Amino acid sequence: MALQLACAALVLLLPLGVQLGLRPSTVPRIRALALVGLVAAGASLAADIATGLIADLAAAMLDACFAGAITATVALVVAQRVGTAGGVAFALSWTILVYQPVASAVLDGVPSLVQVAFGAIDYGGVLASHVATASALLAVSLLPIARSRDRALSAGRQPLGTGESISWRRGLLGASLVMLSGTGWLLGVERVLTVASGRTLANALAGMALAATLWIIVEKIAVDRRSPDGLIAGALLGWGAIGAGAPYLSPFALIAVVAAGTAAAVGAVAKGRQRGTGVLRWGAASILVAVVVGSVVTTLLADRFGLAEMATITFTVEQLTATIVVALVAGVGGIACGLLAWGMRQWAIPDSN
């Protein structure tokens, strides 16, 4: 129980870390987004009650914190594009239509529904935390619902879609909070301490720190620029790249997974980010690339189920299939939620945005 509560507290740091890389939010917006997180946590508890999982109260509270932190972060990012009312509408509908079903399929039961249906392994639940989130955000970024103010800001291209540069100190703090949050998530999904927990802890911290550093290096090579918000983005990429098999990665495999996932992701979005593509598009795209590449390398190099031990790439195909299916489902859900957010933005009074 103590482990689960500690991990739950760490996961709640996620929206704080991401906020440090975005435009400052007003107090009313922060209150609204905090309320969104509470509603999502309540929805998670309700789902656990409906499925009988509430008997393990500590685990249910951990799931609630997972849902609350992820949903509040989604609301925070979407609100930068469509205002507070739109961000709230998107996040509330997303947590019910997308996050809860995917999280149940990935995190509930041993083996999970995803493992039974596709043969895929997702130890760290990144199909829920990263793929379901990034796919929905990418779908929203393709909808013509950006405000003129956001387009004007992105024309100048500042870090993370902001209108002002952030300091290296702020970027380092934000990345540190994301690393703590990701570590809490990856440890928490196991529910109890196991013989693999030590490796999970080491891989989580080392992997996210390495990815944050690689973001800065690869972006410098690709487009000759370095910006502090890359530390925050890199930490998120590292989390996604190692999440599927965190306890099964040797030091060599960890470096290979993080390096391949981060380099591919940054390389894919560096020029678009430099041109002024908004945070939704380049951020979501980079996360999806990192998860896909990281998962593929994991299936080839991981202990127990890597290519050297299994002598087949069948598991790689199964892993890719599960990722693609979740991405498509989440993308369709993101379009529906995005249209709802657009309608809410049109209806809301200007001050609420």
Foldseek 3Di string as FASTA:
>chain_A
DVLLVLLLVLLLLQLVLVCLQAAHDDPVLLVLLLVLLQVLLVVLLVVCVVVVNCVPVSLSNSSSSNRSNLLSNQLVLVCLFQNSLLSSLLSNLLSVQFQVVLCQQQQDDVVGVLCVVQVAFQLLSCLRRFLLSLLLLQLLLPDPQGDPVLVVQLQVQEGQSYNDAHDLVSLVVSLVSLLSSLLSSNLPSVVDDDPLNVQLNVLSNVQLQVQLVVLQVLLCVQPNDGGSNSSNLSSLLSSLLCRRPRSFADPVLSCVSSNQLSNQLSNVCSVVSVNRRHNSNSSSSSNLSSNLSSSLSCQQHGPPRHCVVVVDCSNNVSNVVSSVVSSVSSNVSSNVSSVSSSVSSVVDDPVRD
